């Protein structure tokens, strides 16, 4: 799964990691190396009437009052968050479809 918060949409950011030498000439200036700053994601399980839902959420969102209302059940979860991921089922359907197509084309694949 990607490193993106499912509530706020916060994701990785690109930047520079800097090391600061506190003295020296211009040719010894602080080196800048490329760095990816990742959000602090935590997995949260929320109980809903339809069942349990697992979300990846940043810690800053976890401490917000709005998200606390979702956790306690004071507010219902939005419909987009209630949907469970179906991408693994789509992959399986595609594999089955490809397999059937190959069996129809070649008689030697009928035993697979």
N, C-alpha and C. Protein backbone atom coordinates (compact mmCIF):
# COMPACT_ATOMS: atom_id res chain seq x y z
N UNK A 1 0.84 -1.17 0.00
CA UNK A 1 0.00 0.00 0.00
C UNK A 1 0.89 1.24 0.00
N UNK A 2 0.37 2.33 -0.60
CA UNK A 2 1.19 3.53 -0.71
C UNK A 2 1.31 4.23 0.64
N UNK A 3 2.27 5.10 0.71
CA UNK A 3 2.55 5.83 1.95
C UNK A 3 1.79 7.14 1.97
N UNK A 4 0.47 7.06 1.93
CA UNK A 4 -0.39 8.24 1.89
C UNK A 4 -1.46 8.09 2.95
N UNK A 5 -1.74 9.18 3.67
CA UNK A 5 -2.80 9.19 4.68
C UNK A 5 -4.14 9.10 3.96
N UNK A 6 -5.02 8.21 4.42
CA UNK A 6 -6.31 8.02 3.77
C UNK A 6 -7.32 9.10 4.15
N UNK A 7 -7.03 9.90 5.17
CA UNK A 7 -7.94 10.97 5.57
C UNK A 7 -7.49 12.30 4.98
N UNK A 8 -6.24 12.69 5.25
CA UNK A 8 -5.77 14.01 4.82
C UNK A 8 -5.09 14.00 3.46
N UNK A 9 -4.63 12.83 3.01
CA UNK A 9 -3.95 12.77 1.72
C UNK A 9 -2.48 13.15 1.79
N UNK A 10 -1.94 13.31 3.00
CA UNK A 10 -0.52 13.67 3.14
C UNK A 10 0.35 12.51 2.68
N UNK A 11 1.35 12.82 1.87
CA UNK A 11 2.23 11.79 1.34
C UNK A 11 3.69 12.17 1.47
N UNK A 12 4.57 11.42 0.83
CA UNK A 12 6.00 11.71 0.90
C UNK A 12 6.34 13.05 0.25
N UNK A 13 7.36 13.70 0.80
CA UNK A 13 7.82 14.97 0.24
C UNK A 13 9.30 14.85 -0.07
N UNK A 14 9.74 15.49 -1.14
CA UNK A 14 11.15 15.51 -1.52
C UNK A 14 11.80 16.76 -0.96
N UNK A 15 13.06 16.62 -0.60
CA UNK A 15 13.79 17.76 -0.09
C UNK A 15 15.27 17.44 -0.01
N UNK A 16 16.01 18.25 0.75
CA UNK A 16 17.44 18.06 0.91
C UNK A 16 17.74 17.79 2.37
N UNK A 17 18.62 16.83 2.59
CA UNK A 17 19.15 16.59 3.93
C UNK A 17 20.45 17.39 3.99
N UNK A 18 20.57 18.24 4.98
CA UNK A 18 21.75 19.11 5.05
C UNK A 18 22.57 18.80 6.28
N UNK A 19 23.88 18.85 6.09
CA UNK A 19 24.82 18.74 7.20
C UNK A 19 25.54 20.08 7.27
N UNK A 20 25.49 20.70 8.42
CA UNK A 20 26.06 22.04 8.52
C UNK A 20 27.42 22.02 9.20
N UNK A 21 28.50 22.23 8.43
CA UNK A 21 29.79 22.47 9.08
C UNK A 21 29.78 23.90 9.63
N UNK A 22 30.23 24.07 10.83
CA UNK A 22 30.13 25.37 11.48
C UNK A 22 31.34 26.25 11.22
N UNK A 23 32.27 25.77 10.46
CA UNK A 23 33.40 26.63 10.11
C UNK A 23 34.00 26.09 8.82
N UNK A 24 34.82 26.88 8.19
CA UNK A 24 35.47 26.41 6.98
C UNK A 24 35.25 27.37 5.83
N UNK A 25 35.94 27.09 4.75
CA UNK A 25 35.88 27.95 3.58
C UNK A 25 34.63 27.64 2.74
N UNK A 26 34.43 28.41 1.69
CA UNK A 26 33.27 28.27 0.82
C UNK A 26 33.24 26.89 0.15
N UNK A 27 34.40 26.35 -0.17
CA UNK A 27 34.42 25.04 -0.82
C UNK A 27 34.04 23.91 0.14
N UNK A 28 33.95 24.19 1.42
CA UNK A 28 33.52 23.20 2.41
C UNK A 28 32.10 23.49 2.90
N UNK A 29 31.30 24.17 2.07
CA UNK A 29 29.95 24.56 2.49
C UNK A 29 29.10 23.30 2.76
N UNK A 30 27.94 23.52 3.36
CA UNK A 30 27.09 22.41 3.78
C UNK A 30 26.64 21.58 2.58
N UNK A 31 26.92 20.27 2.59
CA UNK A 31 26.48 19.43 1.47
C UNK A 31 24.97 19.19 1.55
N UNK A 32 24.34 19.15 0.36
CA UNK A 32 22.91 18.89 0.27
C UNK A 32 22.72 17.54 -0.42
N UNK A 33 22.11 16.63 0.27
CA UNK A 33 21.82 15.33 -0.33
C UNK A 33 20.31 15.20 -0.47
N UNK A 34 19.88 14.56 -1.54
CA UNK A 34 18.45 14.37 -1.75
C UNK A 34 17.89 13.42 -0.69
N UNK A 35 16.69 13.72 -0.26
CA UNK A 35 16.08 12.94 0.82
C UNK A 35 14.56 12.94 0.64
N UNK A 36 13.92 11.84 0.97
CA UNK A 36 12.46 11.76 0.95
C UNK A 36 11.96 11.77 2.39
N UNK A 37 11.13 12.73 2.69
CA UNK A 37 10.55 12.84 4.03
C UNK A 37 9.20 12.13 4.01
N UNK A 38 9.06 11.09 4.84
CA UNK A 38 7.84 10.28 4.86
C UNK A 38 6.92 10.73 5.99
N UNK A 39 5.61 10.64 5.78
CA UNK A 39 4.68 10.99 6.86
C UNK A 39 4.69 9.89 7.93
N UNK A 40 4.35 10.28 9.14
CA UNK A 40 4.30 9.33 10.26
C UNK A 40 2.94 8.63 10.21
N UNK A 41 2.88 7.50 9.48
CA UNK A 41 1.63 6.78 9.30
C UNK A 41 1.48 5.68 10.34
N UNK A 42 0.27 5.54 10.83
CA UNK A 42 -0.08 4.47 11.76
C UNK A 42 -1.35 3.79 11.24
N UNK A 43 -1.47 2.50 11.49
CA UNK A 43 -2.66 1.77 11.09
C UNK A 43 -3.67 1.80 12.23
N UNK A 44 -4.89 2.23 11.91
CA UNK A 44 -5.96 2.36 12.91
C UNK A 44 -7.11 1.47 12.47
N UNK A 45 -7.67 0.70 13.40
CA UNK A 45 -8.83 -0.13 13.12
C UNK A 45 -10.06 0.53 13.74
N UNK A 46 -11.08 0.76 12.91
CA UNK A 46 -12.30 1.41 13.36
C UNK A 46 -13.45 0.42 13.23
N UNK A 47 -14.24 0.28 14.29
CA UNK A 47 -15.40 -0.61 14.26
C UNK A 47 -16.60 0.17 13.73
N UNK A 48 -17.23 -0.36 12.69
CA UNK A 48 -18.43 0.24 12.11
C UNK A 48 -19.53 -0.82 12.11
N UNK A 49 -20.77 -0.42 11.88
CA UNK A 49 -21.85 -1.42 11.81
C UNK A 49 -21.63 -2.46 10.70
N UNK A 50 -20.94 -2.08 9.62
CA UNK A 50 -20.67 -3.01 8.52
C UNK A 50 -19.52 -3.95 8.82
N UNK A 51 -18.70 -3.63 9.81
CA UNK A 51 -17.53 -4.43 10.15
C UNK A 51 -16.36 -3.53 10.50
N UNK A 52 -15.20 -4.15 10.70
CA UNK A 52 -14.02 -3.37 11.04
C UNK A 52 -13.32 -2.88 9.78
N UNK A 53 -12.79 -1.66 9.86
CA UNK A 53 -12.09 -1.05 8.73
C UNK A 53 -10.72 -0.62 9.22
N UNK A 54 -9.70 -0.95 8.44
CA UNK A 54 -8.34 -0.54 8.78
C UNK A 54 -7.94 0.62 7.87
N UNK A 55 -7.42 1.68 8.50
CA UNK A 55 -7.02 2.88 7.78
C UNK A 55 -5.58 3.21 8.11
N UNK A 56 -4.86 3.77 7.13
CA UNK A 56 -3.54 4.32 7.39
C UNK A 56 -3.69 5.81 7.57
N UNK A 57 -3.33 6.30 8.77
CA UNK A 57 -3.60 7.67 9.15
C UNK A 57 -2.34 8.27 9.75
N UNK A 58 -2.09 9.57 9.47
CA UNK A 58 -0.96 10.26 10.09
C UNK A 58 -1.29 10.54 11.56
N UNK A 59 -0.25 10.69 12.36
CA UNK A 59 -0.46 10.91 13.79
C UNK A 59 -1.09 12.28 14.04
N UNK A 60 -0.84 13.25 13.18
CA UNK A 60 -1.46 14.57 13.37
C UNK A 60 -2.97 14.49 13.16
N UNK A 61 -3.42 13.65 12.24
CA UNK A 61 -4.86 13.47 12.03
C UNK A 61 -5.46 12.70 13.21
N UNK A 62 -4.72 11.73 13.75
CA UNK A 62 -5.23 10.93 14.87
C UNK A 62 -5.56 11.79 16.08
N UNK A 63 -4.83 12.88 16.26
CA UNK A 63 -5.07 13.72 17.43
C UNK A 63 -6.13 14.79 17.17
N UNK A 64 -6.67 14.87 15.95
CA UNK A 64 -7.67 15.90 15.65
C UNK A 64 -9.02 15.50 16.24
N UNK A 65 -9.84 16.51 16.55
CA UNK A 65 -11.15 16.26 17.16
C UNK A 65 -12.09 15.57 16.19
N UNK A 66 -12.00 15.93 14.91
CA UNK A 66 -12.88 15.35 13.91
C UNK A 66 -12.67 13.83 13.81
N UNK A 67 -11.40 13.40 13.80
CA UNK A 67 -11.11 11.98 13.71
C UNK A 67 -11.52 11.26 14.99
N UNK A 68 -11.40 11.92 16.14
CA UNK A 68 -11.84 11.32 17.40
C UNK A 68 -13.35 11.05 17.38
N UNK A 69 -14.11 11.92 16.70
CA UNK A 69 -15.55 11.68 16.56
C UNK A 69 -15.81 10.43 15.74
N UNK A 70 -14.99 10.18 14.71
CA UNK A 70 -15.13 8.96 13.91
C UNK A 70 -14.81 7.73 14.76
N UNK A 71 -13.78 7.82 15.60
CA UNK A 71 -13.39 6.68 16.42
C UNK A 71 -14.45 6.33 17.46
N UNK A 72 -15.03 7.34 18.10
CA UNK A 72 -16.02 7.09 19.14
C UNK A 72 -17.38 6.74 18.58
N UNK A 73 -17.60 7.01 17.30
CA UNK A 73 -18.89 6.72 16.69
C UNK A 73 -19.86 7.88 16.74
N UNK A 74 -19.39 9.05 17.19
CA UNK A 74 -20.26 10.23 17.24
C UNK A 74 -20.64 10.67 15.83
N UNK A 75 -19.73 10.51 14.87
CA UNK A 75 -20.00 10.82 13.47
C UNK A 75 -19.76 9.57 12.64
N UNK A 76 -20.59 9.34 11.63
CA UNK A 76 -20.34 8.17 10.76
C UNK A 76 -19.18 8.44 9.81
N UNK A 77 -18.50 7.37 9.42
CA UNK A 77 -17.39 7.49 8.47
C UNK A 77 -17.93 7.85 7.09
N UNK A 78 -17.16 8.62 6.30
CA UNK A 78 -17.58 8.89 4.92
C UNK A 78 -17.61 7.60 4.11
N UNK A 79 -18.43 7.58 3.06
CA UNK A 79 -18.62 6.37 2.26
C UNK A 79 -17.33 5.93 1.57
N UNK A 80 -16.48 6.88 1.18
CA UNK A 80 -15.23 6.51 0.49
C UNK A 80 -14.34 5.66 1.38
N UNK A 81 -14.37 5.92 2.69
CA UNK A 81 -13.50 5.19 3.61
C UNK A 81 -14.09 3.83 3.99
N UNK A 82 -15.40 3.67 3.84
CA UNK A 82 -16.03 2.41 4.20
C UNK A 82 -15.76 1.32 3.18
N UNK A 83 -15.46 1.71 1.94
CA UNK A 83 -15.22 0.72 0.90
C UNK A 83 -13.92 0.00 1.17
N UNK A 84 -13.95 -1.31 1.08
CA UNK A 84 -12.73 -2.09 1.23
C UNK A 84 -12.06 -2.21 -0.12
N UNK A 85 -10.77 -2.35 -0.11
CA UNK A 85 -10.00 -2.44 -1.35
C UNK A 85 -10.39 -3.70 -2.12
N UNK A 86 -10.59 -3.55 -3.41
CA UNK A 86 -10.97 -4.67 -4.26
C UNK A 86 -9.90 -4.97 -5.30
N UNK A 87 -8.73 -4.30 -5.22
CA UNK A 87 -7.73 -4.46 -6.28
C UNK A 87 -7.20 -5.89 -6.35
N UNK A 88 -7.13 -6.60 -5.23
CA UNK A 88 -6.64 -7.97 -5.28
C UNK A 88 -7.64 -8.89 -6.00
N UNK A 89 -8.93 -8.59 -5.89
CA UNK A 89 -9.92 -9.38 -6.61
C UNK A 89 -9.85 -9.12 -8.11
N UNK A 90 -9.59 -7.87 -8.49
CA UNK A 90 -9.48 -7.54 -9.91
C UNK A 90 -8.30 -8.27 -10.53
N UNK A 91 -7.20 -8.36 -9.79
CA UNK A 91 -6.02 -9.08 -10.30
C UNK A 91 -6.37 -10.55 -10.52
N UNK A 92 -7.07 -11.14 -9.56
CA UNK A 92 -7.42 -12.55 -9.64
C UNK A 92 -8.34 -12.80 -10.84
N UNK A 93 -9.31 -11.91 -11.06
CA UNK A 93 -10.21 -12.06 -12.19
C UNK A 93 -9.44 -11.99 -13.51
N UNK A 94 -8.48 -11.08 -13.58
CA UNK A 94 -7.68 -10.95 -14.80
C UNK A 94 -6.86 -12.21 -15.04
N UNK A 95 -6.29 -12.80 -13.98
CA UNK A 95 -5.50 -14.03 -14.13
C UNK A 95 -6.39 -15.18 -14.61
N UNK A 96 -7.57 -15.29 -14.06
CA UNK A 96 -8.49 -16.36 -14.46
C UNK A 96 -8.90 -16.17 -15.91
N UNK A 97 -9.18 -14.91 -16.28
CA UNK A 97 -9.60 -14.63 -17.65
C UNK A 97 -8.48 -14.97 -18.63
N UNK A 98 -7.25 -14.56 -18.30
CA UNK A 98 -6.12 -14.86 -19.19
C UNK A 98 -5.89 -16.36 -19.30
N UNK A 99 -6.04 -17.06 -18.19
CA UNK A 99 -5.86 -18.51 -18.20
C UNK A 99 -6.89 -19.20 -19.08
N UNK A 100 -8.15 -18.76 -19.01
CA UNK A 100 -9.19 -19.35 -19.84
C UNK A 100 -8.94 -19.06 -21.31
N UNK A 101 -8.45 -17.87 -21.60
CA UNK A 101 -8.19 -17.51 -22.99
C UNK A 101 -7.08 -18.39 -23.55
N UNK A 102 -6.07 -18.69 -22.74
CA UNK A 102 -4.97 -19.53 -23.21
C UNK A 102 -5.43 -20.96 -23.42
N UNK A 103 -6.31 -21.45 -22.55
CA UNK A 103 -6.81 -22.82 -22.70
C UNK A 103 -7.60 -22.97 -24.00
N UNK A 104 -8.35 -21.93 -24.38
CA UNK A 104 -9.14 -21.99 -25.60
C UNK A 104 -8.25 -21.97 -26.84
N UNK A 105 -7.11 -21.30 -26.76
CA UNK A 105 -6.25 -21.16 -27.94
C UNK A 105 -5.42 -22.41 -28.18
N UNK A 106 -4.88 -23.01 -27.16
CA UNK A 106 -3.90 -24.09 -27.33
C UNK A 106 -4.42 -25.37 -26.66
N UNK A 107 -4.52 -26.47 -27.38
CA UNK A 107 -5.03 -27.70 -26.77
C UNK A 107 -4.07 -28.28 -25.72
N UNK A 108 -2.78 -27.96 -25.79
CA UNK A 108 -1.84 -28.51 -24.82
C UNK A 108 -2.02 -27.88 -23.44
N UNK A 109 -2.68 -26.71 -23.35
CA UNK A 109 -2.90 -26.04 -22.08
C UNK A 109 -4.19 -26.48 -21.39
N UNK A 110 -4.92 -27.39 -21.98
CA UNK A 110 -6.21 -27.80 -21.43
C UNK A 110 -6.04 -28.52 -20.09
N UNK A 111 -4.85 -29.06 -19.82
CA UNK A 111 -4.64 -29.79 -18.58
C UNK A 111 -4.15 -28.92 -17.44
N UNK A 112 -3.91 -27.66 -17.70
CA UNK A 112 -3.41 -26.76 -16.65
C UNK A 112 -4.52 -26.26 -15.77
